[in-house]
Amino acid sequence: MADCASRLWLGLLAGLLLYSAAAHAQEPEAWLTVAEPYIDLHTGPGDGYPVFNVIERGHRLRVLDRRADWFRISDERGRVGWVPRSELIKTRLANGEPVQFASLDQQAFIGRRWELGVSGGRLKGAPVVSLYGGYAFTENLSAELTLEHSVGTVSSSKLLRLGLLMQPFPEWNYSPFFKLEGGAISVRPNATLIEPHNKDNTLASVGIGFKTWLARRFVFRFEVDELVIFSANKDQDDNEEITEWKMGFAVFF
């Protein structure tokens, strides 16, 4: 069973990587022309980052990336920096029309880089609380690190998981995702038990769920995961399979 599961996970991983590489390919952005006297160029996406240069009227630039209401741009001289939306609207298209950039909304969520969230649910019938952080390589592929704590009537468990999340349709209002993870679980029996025995095992999991953008930087998330806890005894095939579901909220930036 473990060998079949391993082959399935490797196949899913290869498919995710190939799909993401194809989906991320896109045409280069159009050149924009500065119409106001100048716009400031920051070293990072925020007012706290210093202004290191300016782009004067008549010079051209193009958008490379977006994080919330900040845009990473490059100009004709090869300078790369960050410009807020309020500055970038001081540009014009090739036909002379002003540029329209959406405010922080669903499109900003699609182009996010970092995501931090908390959720709660049930792990094998016991309540579980989860904290995760994610980094998006592309609109479709992210890496996530998850820390969980579950307390039941018989034992408590702590889980640490690292994996990949595939979001094939990020533009959908209710965007589905698929997960592939590996990690470890530490089980501690309650003190009331006779002869308590601690267990530390490795695990792997696959999951499915959806995300939906709520407002500004907030996202709702629901998921169901199937976990396989590998036995520490290599001579016995007594791996444990358990189901987990959870829902919660996240912020992105």
C-alpha atoms as a PDB file:
ATOM      1  CA  MET A   1       0.000   0.000   0.000  1.00  0.00           C
ATOM      2  CA  ALA A   2       2.803   2.390   0.871  1.00  0.00           C
ATOM      3  CA  ASP A   3       4.534   1.741  -2.476  1.00  0.00           C
ATOM      4  CA  CYS A   4       1.317   2.472  -4.418  1.00  0.00           C
ATOM      5  CA  ALA A   5       0.734   5.647  -2.432  1.00  0.00           C
ATOM      6  CA  SER A   6       4.312   6.791  -3.071  1.00  0.00           C
ATOM      7  CA  ARG A   7       3.946   6.294  -6.817  1.00  0.00           C
ATOM      8  CA  LEU A   8       0.643   8.185  -6.773  1.00  0.00           C
ATOM      9  CA  TRP A   9       2.182  11.142  -4.913  1.00  0.00           C
ATOM     10  CA  LEU A  10       5.189  11.290  -7.238  1.00  0.00           C
ATOM     11  CA  GLY A  11       2.883  11.236 -10.263  1.00  0.00           C
ATOM     12  CA  LEU A  12       0.750  14.026  -8.843  1.00  0.00           C
ATOM     13  CA  LEU A  13       3.844  16.089  -8.075  1.00  0.00           C
ATOM     14  CA  ALA A  14       5.174  15.749 -11.620  1.00  0.00           C
ATOM     15  CA  GLY A  15       1.784  16.693 -13.047  1.00  0.00           C
ATOM     16  CA  LEU A  16       1.539  19.770 -10.827  1.00  0.00           C
ATOM     17  CA  LEU A  17       4.953  21.049 -11.854  1.00  0.00           C
ATOM     18  CA  LEU A  18       4.301  20.538 -15.586  1.00  0.00           C
ATOM     19  CA  TYR A  19       0.873  22.175 -15.416  1.00  0.00           C
ATOM     20  CA  SER A  20       2.184  25.144 -13.473  1.00  0.00           C
ATOM     21  CA  ALA A  21       5.038  25.767 -15.902  1.00  0.00           C
ATOM     22  CA  ALA A  22       2.620  25.801 -18.842  1.00  0.00           C
ATOM     23  CA  ALA A  23       0.010  27.924 -17.101  1.00  0.00           C
ATOM     24  CA  HIS A  24       2.539  30.538 -15.999  1.00  0.00           C
ATOM     25  CA  ALA A  25       3.724  31.283 -19.537  1.00  0.00           C
ATOM     26  CA  GLN A  26       2.276  34.616 -20.675  1.00  0.00           C
ATOM     27  CA  GLU A  27       2.877  37.499 -23.051  1.00  0.00           C
ATOM     28  CA  PRO A  28       5.124  40.388 -21.942  1.00  0.00           C
ATOM     29  CA  GLU A  29       3.400  43.480 -20.552  1.00  0.00           C
ATOM     30  CA  ALA A  30       2.801  46.544 -22.759  1.00  0.00           C
ATOM     31  CA  TRP A  31       4.970  49.641 -22.370  1.00  0.00           C
ATOM     32  CA  LEU A  32       3.445  52.603 -20.526  1.00  0.00           C
ATOM     33  CA  THR A  33       4.496  56.261 -20.743  1.00  0.00           C
ATOM     34  CA  VAL A  34       4.814  58.595 -17.744  1.00  0.00           C
ATOM     35  CA  ALA A  35       2.457  61.564 -18.228  1.00  0.00           C
ATOM     36  CA  GLU A  36       3.104  63.513 -15.004  1.00  0.00           C
ATOM     37  CA  PRO A  37       6.404  65.310 -14.206  1.00  0.00           C
ATOM     38  CA  TYR A  38       7.773  62.146 -12.549  1.00  0.00           C
ATOM     39  CA  ILE A  39       6.934  59.057 -10.472  1.00  0.00           C
ATOM     40  CA  ASP A  40       8.974  57.752  -7.539  1.00  0.00           C
ATOM     41  CA  LEU A  41      10.720  54.403  -7.719  1.00  0.00           C
ATOM     42  CA  HIS A  42      10.920  52.495  -4.387  1.00  0.00           C
ATOM     43  CA  THR A  43      13.272  49.663  -3.456  1.00  0.00           C
ATOM     44  CA  GLY A  44      10.362  47.505  -2.189  1.00  0.00           C
ATOM     45  CA  PRO A  45       6.554  47.200  -2.126  1.00  0.00           C
ATOM     46  CA  GLY A  46       5.688  49.676   0.639  1.00  0.00           C
ATOM     47  CA  ASP A  47       5.975  53.271   1.802  1.00  0.00           C
ATOM     48  CA  GLY A  48       8.626  52.183   4.287  1.00  0.00           C
ATOM     49  CA  TYR A  49      11.027  51.347   1.465  1.00  0.00           C
ATOM     50  CA  PRO A  50      13.170  54.311   0.361  1.00  0.00           C
ATOM     51  CA  VAL A  51      12.874  56.096  -2.981  1.00  0.00           C
ATOM     52  CA  PHE A  52      16.082  55.422  -4.900  1.00  0.00           C
ATOM     53  CA  ASN A  53      15.236  57.062  -8.224  1.00  0.00           C
ATOM     54  CA  VAL A  54      12.527  58.747 -10.303  1.00  0.00           C
ATOM     55  CA  ILE A  55      11.174  58.183 -13.792  1.00  0.00           C
ATOM     56  CA  GLU A  56      10.567  61.448 -15.620  1.00  0.00           C
ATOM     57  CA  ARG A  57       7.761  62.473 -17.950  1.00  0.00           C
ATOM     58  CA  GLY A  58       7.950  60.924 -21.398  1.00  0.00           C
ATOM     59  CA  HIS A  59       9.909  57.847 -20.293  1.00  0.00           C
ATOM     60  CA  ARG A  60       8.449  54.380 -20.682  1.00  0.00           C
ATOM     61  CA  LEU A  61       8.023  51.516 -18.215  1.00  0.00           C
ATOM     62  CA  ARG A  62       6.311  48.154 -18.001  1.00  0.00           C
ATOM     63  CA  VAL A  63       4.740  46.188 -15.153  1.00  0.00           C
ATOM     64  CA  LEU A  64       6.506  42.981 -14.067  1.00  0.00           C
ATOM     65  CA  ASP A  65       4.624  41.949 -10.946  1.00  0.00           C
ATOM     66  CA  ARG A  66       2.017  43.047  -8.415  1.00  0.00           C
ATOM     67  CA  ARG A  67       1.687  42.737  -4.647  1.00  0.00           C
ATOM     68  CA  ALA A  68      -1.572  44.199  -3.410  1.00  0.00           C
ATOM     69  CA  ASP A  69      -1.534  47.888  -4.478  1.00  0.00           C
ATOM     70  CA  TRP A  70       2.201  47.947  -5.315  1.00  0.00           C
ATOM     71  CA  PHE A  71       3.654  47.163  -8.741  1.00  0.00           C
ATOM     72  CA  ARG A  72       7.150  45.995  -9.642  1.00  0.00           C
ATOM     73  CA  ILE A  73       8.242  47.739 -12.840  1.00  0.00           C
ATOM     74  CA  SER A  74      11.234  48.156 -15.128  1.00  0.00           C
ATOM     75  CA  ASP A  75      11.969  51.192 -17.314  1.00  0.00           C
ATOM     76  CA  GLU A  76      13.790  51.759 -20.593  1.00  0.00           C
ATOM     77  CA  ARG A  77      17.097  52.164 -18.751  1.00  0.00           C
ATOM     78  CA  GLY A  78      16.783  48.755 -17.119  1.00  0.00           C
ATOM     79  CA  ARG A  79      16.026  50.093 -13.635  1.00  0.00           C
ATOM     80  CA  VAL A  80      13.747  47.832 -11.595  1.00  0.00           C
ATOM     81  CA  GLY A  81      11.734  49.034  -8.606  1.00  0.00           C
ATOM     82  CA  TRP A  82       8.318  49.342  -6.980  1.00  0.00           C
ATOM     83  CA  VAL A  83       5.600  51.933  -7.637  1.00  0.00           C
ATOM     84  CA  PRO A  84       2.261  52.334  -5.778  1.00  0.00           C
ATOM     85  CA  ARG A  85      -1.004  52.269  -7.699  1.00  0.00           C
ATOM     86  CA  SER A  86      -1.520  55.974  -6.968  1.00  0.00           C
ATOM     87  CA  GLU A  87       1.691  56.732  -8.891  1.00  0.00           C
ATOM     88  CA  LEU A  88       1.233  54.216 -11.669  1.00  0.00           C
ATOM     89  CA  ILE A  89      -2.048  55.784 -12.773  1.00  0.00           C
ATOM     90  CA  LYS A  90       0.103  58.753 -13.851  1.00  0.00           C
ATOM     91  CA  THR A  91       0.972  56.825 -17.015  1.00  0.00           C
ATOM     92  CA  ARG A  92      -0.609  56.500 -20.448  1.00  0.00           C
ATOM     93  CA  LEU A  93      -1.070  53.689 -22.939  1.00  0.00           C
ATOM     94  CA  ALA A  94       0.426  53.871 -26.419  1.00  0.00           C
ATOM     95  CA  ASN A  95      -2.832  55.429 -27.723  1.00  0.00           C
ATOM     96  CA  GLY A  96      -2.661  58.178 -25.083  1.00  0.00           C
ATOM     97  CA  GLU A  97      -5.461  56.841 -22.880  1.00  0.00           C
ATOM     98  CA  PRO A  98      -4.945  56.659 -19.100  1.00  0.00           C
ATOM     99  CA  VAL A  99      -4.117  53.303 -17.548  1.00  0.00           C
ATOM    100  CA  GLN A 100      -6.756  51.611 -15.392  1.00  0.00           C
ATOM    101  CA  PHE A 101      -5.564  49.416 -12.528  1.00  0.00           C
ATOM    102  CA  ALA A 102      -8.012  47.607 -10.296  1.00  0.00           C
ATOM    103  CA  SER A 103      -7.750  48.284  -6.579  1.00  0.00           C
ATOM    104  CA  LEU A 104      -7.090  45.538  -4.061  1.00  0.00           C
ATOM    105  CA  ASP A 105      -9.550  42.830  -5.101  1.00  0.00           C
ATOM    106  CA  GLN A 106      -9.811  39.329  -6.543  1.00  0.00           C
ATOM    107  CA  GLN A 107      -7.087  40.111  -9.095  1.00  0.00           C
ATOM    108  CA  ALA A 108      -4.744  41.169  -6.311  1.00  0.00           C
ATOM    109  CA  PHE A 109      -5.414  37.858  -4.569  1.00  0.00           C
ATOM    110  CA  ILE A 110      -4.581  35.969  -7.754  1.00  0.00           C
ATOM    111  CA  GLY A 111      -1.231  37.780  -7.946  1.00  0.00           C
ATOM    112  CA  ARG A 112      -0.355  37.380  -4.254  1.00  0.00           C
ATOM    113  CA  ARG A 113       2.986  36.047  -3.067  1.00  0.00           C
ATOM    114  CA  TRP A 114       2.552  35.387   0.670  1.00  0.00           C
ATOM    115  CA  GLU A 115      -0.411  33.970   2.553  1.00  0.00           C
ATOM    116  CA  LEU A 116      -0.858  33.416   6.302  1.00  0.00           C
ATOM    117  CA  GLY A 117      -3.886  31.704   7.815  1.00  0.00           C
ATOM    118  CA  VAL A 118      -5.475  29.911  10.758  1.00  0.00           C
ATOM    119  CA  SER A 119      -8.191  27.267  10.706  1.00  0.00           C
ATOM    120  CA  GLY A 120     -10.005  24.746  12.861  1.00  0.00           C
ATOM    121  CA  GLY A 121     -11.710  21.412  12.281  1.00  0.00           C
ATOM    122  CA  ARG A 122     -11.563  17.736  13.162  1.00  0.00           C
ATOM    123  CA  LEU A 123      -8.708  15.226  12.945  1.00  0.00           C
ATOM    124  CA  LYS A 124      -9.879  11.635  13.414  1.00  0.00           C
ATOM    125  CA  GLY A 125     -12.856  12.955  15.362  1.00  0.00           C
ATOM    126  CA  ALA A 126     -10.785  15.212  17.642  1.00  0.00           C
ATOM    127  CA  PRO A 127     -10.675  19.026  17.425  1.00  0.00           C
ATOM    128  CA  VAL A 128      -7.645  20.427  15.599  1.00  0.00           C
ATOM    129  CA  VAL A 129      -6.237  23.943  15.233  1.00  0.00           C
ATOM    130  CA  SER A 130      -3.965  24.760  12.308  1.00  0.00           C
ATOM    131  CA  LEU A 131      -1.596  27.611  11.448  1.00  0.00           C
ATOM    132  CA  TYR A 132      -0.047  27.806   7.987  1.00  0.00           C
ATOM    133  CA  GLY A 133       2.100  30.019   5.827  1.00  0.00           C
ATOM    134  CA  GLY A 134       2.315  29.858   2.057  1.00  0.00           C
ATOM    135  CA  TYR A 135       4.450  31.284  -0.739  1.00  0.00           C
ATOM    136  CA  ALA A 136       3.147  31.387  -4.330  1.00  0.00           C
ATOM    137  CA  PHE A 137       5.712  30.579  -7.031  1.00  0.00           C
ATOM    138  CA  THR A 138       3.089  31.225  -9.722  1.00  0.00           C
ATOM    139  CA  GLU A 139      -0.648  31.876  -9.811  1.00  0.00           C
ATOM    140  CA  ASN A 140      -1.153  28.097  -9.824  1.00  0.00           C
ATOM    141  CA  LEU A 141       1.567  26.627  -7.610  1.00  0.00           C
ATOM    142  CA  SER A 142       2.367  27.403  -3.960  1.00  0.00           C
ATOM    143  CA  ALA A 143       4.464  25.926  -1.159  1.00  0.00           C
ATOM    144  CA  GLU A 144       2.934  25.691   2.316  1.00  0.00           C
ATOM    145  CA  LEU A 145       4.222  24.979   5.809  1.00  0.00           C
ATOM    146  CA  THR A 146       1.545  23.893   8.302  1.00  0.00           C
ATOM    147  CA  LEU A 147       1.689  23.423  12.088  1.00  0.00           C
ATOM    148  CA  GLU A 148      -1.253  21.708  13.800  1.00  0.00           C
ATOM    149  CA  HIS A 149      -2.310  20.779  17.326  1.00  0.00           C
ATOM    150  CA  SER A 150      -5.086  18.311  18.126  1.00  0.00           C
ATOM    151  CA  VAL A 151      -6.331  17.397  21.604  1.00  0.00           C
ATOM    152  CA  GLY A 152      -8.557  14.332  22.057  1.00  0.00           C
ATOM    153  CA  THR A 153      -9.902  12.403  25.017  1.00  0.00           C
ATOM    154  CA  VAL A 154      -7.174   9.757  24.750  1.00  0.00           C
ATOM    155  CA  SER A 155      -4.166  11.629  23.360  1.00  0.00           C
ATOM    156  CA  SER A 156      -2.912  14.887  21.875  1.00  0.00           C
ATOM    157  CA  SER A 157      -1.075  15.250  18.588  1.00  0.00           C
ATOM    158  CA  LYS A 158       1.223  17.801  16.992  1.00  0.00           C
ATOM    159  CA  LEU A 159       1.756  17.752  13.231  1.00  0.00           C
ATOM    160  CA  LEU A 160       4.229  19.523  10.977  1.00  0.00           C
ATOM    161  CA  ARG A 161       3.674  19.352   7.221  1.00  0.00           C
ATOM    162  CA  LEU A 162       5.408  20.826   4.182  1.00  0.00           C
ATOM    163  CA  GLY A 163       4.026  20.491   0.698  1.00  0.00           C
ATOM    164  CA  LEU A 164       2.754  21.878  -2.584  1.00  0.00           C
ATOM    165  CA  LEU A 165      -0.666  23.320  -3.371  1.00  0.00           C
ATOM    166  CA  MET A 166      -2.035  23.379  -6.919  1.00  0.00           C
ATOM    167  CA  GLN A 167      -4.746  25.933  -7.791  1.00  0.00           C
ATOM    168  CA  PRO A 168      -5.723  25.263 -11.437  1.00  0.00           C
ATOM    169  CA  PHE A 169      -8.374  28.011 -11.688  1.00  0.00           C
ATOM    170  CA  PRO A 170      -7.261  30.956  -9.503  1.00  0.00           C
ATOM    171  CA  GLU A 171      -9.654  33.337 -11.295  1.00  0.00           C
ATOM    172  CA  TRP A 172     -12.762  31.471 -10.100  1.00  0.00           C
ATOM    173  CA  ASN A 173     -14.719  33.006  -7.201  1.00  0.00           C
ATOM    174  CA  TYR A 174     -14.632  29.608  -5.474  1.00  0.00           C
ATOM    175  CA  SER A 175     -11.244  28.398  -6.589  1.00  0.00           C
ATOM    176  CA  PRO A 176     -10.496  24.662  -6.040  1.00  0.00           C
ATOM    177  CA  PHE A 177      -7.075  23.441  -4.988  1.00  0.00           C
ATOM    178  CA  PHE A 178      -5.213  20.158  -4.546  1.00  0.00           C
ATOM    179  CA  LYS A 179      -2.478  19.460  -2.001  1.00  0.00           C
ATOM    180  CA  LEU A 180       0.439  17.054  -1.678  1.00  0.00           C
ATOM    181  CA  GLU A 181       2.383  17.064   1.613  1.00  0.00           C
ATOM    182  CA  GLY A 182       4.858  15.209   3.774  1.00  0.00           C
ATOM    183  CA  GLY A 183       5.818  15.701   7.393  1.00  0.00           C
ATOM    184  CA  ALA A 184       5.804  14.282  10.902  1.00  0.00           C
ATOM    185  CA  ILE A 185       3.347  13.632  13.735  1.00  0.00           C
ATOM    186  CA  SER A 186       4.019  13.401  17.464  1.00  0.00           C
ATOM    187  CA  VAL A 187       1.371  11.674  19.602  1.00  0.00           C
ATOM    188  CA  ARG A 188       1.352  12.076  23.390  1.00  0.00           C
ATOM    189  CA  PRO A 189      -1.159   9.986  25.407  1.00  0.00           C
ATOM    190  CA  ASN A 190      -3.031  11.731  28.209  1.00  0.00           C
ATOM    191  CA  ALA A 191      -1.506  11.471  31.675  1.00  0.00           C
ATOM    192  CA  THR A 192      -4.484   9.494  32.977  1.00  0.00           C
ATOM    193  CA  LEU A 193      -3.586   6.486  30.856  1.00  0.00           C
ATOM    194  CA  ILE A 194      -1.693   3.566  32.329  1.00  0.00           C
ATOM    195  CA  GLU A 195       1.783   3.055  30.846  1.00  0.00           C
ATOM    196  CA  PRO A 196       1.657   5.982  28.406  1.00  0.00           C
ATOM    197  CA  HIS A 197       3.629   5.465  25.220  1.00  0.00           C
ATOM    198  CA  ASN A 198       4.724   8.387  23.038  1.00  0.00           C
ATOM    199  CA  LYS A 199       4.804   7.927  19.271  1.00  0.00           C
ATOM    200  CA  ASP A 200       6.695   9.903  16.636  1.00  0.00           C
ATOM    201  CA  ASN A 201       6.049   8.989  13.003  1.00  0.00           C
ATOM    202  CA  THR A 202       6.404  10.369   9.517  1.00  0.00           C
ATOM    203  CA  LEU A 203       3.336  11.014   7.390  1.00  0.00           C
ATOM    204  CA  ALA A 204       2.156  11.956   3.923  1.00  0.00           C
ATOM    205  CA  SER A 205      -1.129  13.467   2.854  1.00  0.00           C
ATOM    206  CA  VAL A 206      -3.219  14.461  -0.132  1.00  0.00           C
ATOM    207  CA  GLY A 207      -6.020  16.994   0.079  1.00  0.00           C
ATOM    208  CA  ILE A 208      -8.666  18.912  -1.794  1.00  0.00           C
ATOM    209  CA  GLY A 209     -10.473  22.138  -0.980  1.00  0.00           C
ATOM    210  CA  PHE A 210     -11.355  25.615  -2.157  1.00  0.00           C
ATOM    211  CA  LYS A 211     -10.539  29.261  -1.454  1.00  0.00           C
ATOM    212  CA  THR A 212     -12.706  32.320  -1.929  1.00  0.00           C
ATOM    213  CA  TRP A 213     -11.691  35.969  -1.685  1.00  0.00           C
ATOM    214  CA  LEU A 214     -13.814  37.885   0.850  1.00  0.00           C
ATOM    215  CA  ALA A 215     -12.693  41.528   0.981  1.00  0.00           C
ATOM    216  CA  ARG A 216      -9.441  43.452   0.854  1.00  0.00           C
ATOM    217  CA  ARG A 217      -6.755  41.006   2.067  1.00  0.00           C
ATOM    218  CA  PHE A 218      -9.027  38.336   3.571  1.00  0.00           C
ATOM    219  CA  VAL A 219      -9.673  34.829   2.220  1.00  0.00           C
ATOM    220  CA  PHE A 220     -11.904  31.956   3.382  1.00  0.00           C
ATOM    221  CA  ARG A 221     -10.614  28.413   2.971  1.00  0.00           C
ATOM    222  CA  PHE A 222     -12.077  24.904   3.369  1.00  0.00           C
ATOM    223  CA  GLU A 223     -10.287  21.587   2.845  1.00  0.00           C
ATOM    224  CA  VAL A 224     -10.401  17.838   3.437  1.00  0.00           C
ATOM    225  CA  ASP A 225      -7.153  15.856   3.766  1.00  0.00           C
ATOM    226  CA  GLU A 226      -6.388  12.140   3.759  1.00  0.00           C
ATOM    227  CA  LEU A 227      -3.323  11.350   5.882  1.00  0.00           C
ATOM    228  CA  VAL A 228      -1.204   8.204   5.932  1.00  0.00           C
ATOM    229  CA  ILE A 229       0.876   7.777   9.104  1.00  0.00           C
ATOM    230  CA  PHE A 230       3.727   5.404   8.392  1.00  0.00           C
ATOM    231  CA  SER A 231       4.501   2.672  10.873  1.00  0.00           C
ATOM    232  CA  ALA A 232       7.845   2.823  12.677  1.00  0.00           C
ATOM    233  CA  ASN A 233       8.062  -0.968  12.377  1.00  0.00           C
ATOM    234  CA  LYS A 234       9.325  -1.715   8.882  1.00  0.00           C
ATOM    235  CA  ASP A 235       8.519  -5.409   9.279  1.00  0.00           C
ATOM    236  CA  GLN A 236       4.783  -4.741   9.604  1.00  0.00           C
ATOM    237  CA  ASP A 237       2.462  -3.043   7.142  1.00  0.00           C
ATOM    238  CA  ASP A 238       0.260  -1.339   9.735  1.00  0.00           C
ATOM    239  CA  ASN A 239       0.201   2.211   8.390  1.00  0.00           C
ATOM    240  CA  GLU A 240      -2.695   4.264   9.735  1.00  0.00           C
ATOM    241  CA  GLU A 241      -5.028   6.232   7.463  1.00  0.00           C
ATOM    242  CA  ILE A 242      -7.042   9.102   8.930  1.00  0.00           C
ATOM    243  CA  THR A 243      -9.240  11.900   7.586  1.00  0.00           C
ATOM    244  CA  GLU A 244      -9.069  15.571   8.503  1.00  0.00           C
ATOM    245  CA  TRP A 245     -11.287  18.511   7.601  1.00  0.00           C
ATOM    246  CA  LYS A 246     -10.864  22.157   8.532  1.00  0.00           C
ATOM    247  CA  MET A 247     -11.970  25.663   7.597  1.00  0.00           C
ATOM    248  CA  GLY A 248     -10.601  29.090   8.419  1.00  0.00           C
ATOM    249  CA  PHE A 249      -9.396  32.477   7.275  1.00  0.00           C
ATOM    250  CA  ALA A 250      -6.192  33.863   5.809  1.00  0.00           C
ATOM    251  CA  VAL A 251      -4.605  37.155   4.850  1.00  0.00           C
ATOM    252  CA  PHE A 252      -2.405  37.681   1.804  1.00  0.00           C
ATOM    253  CA  PHE A 253       0.270  40.203   0.874  1.00  0.00           C
END
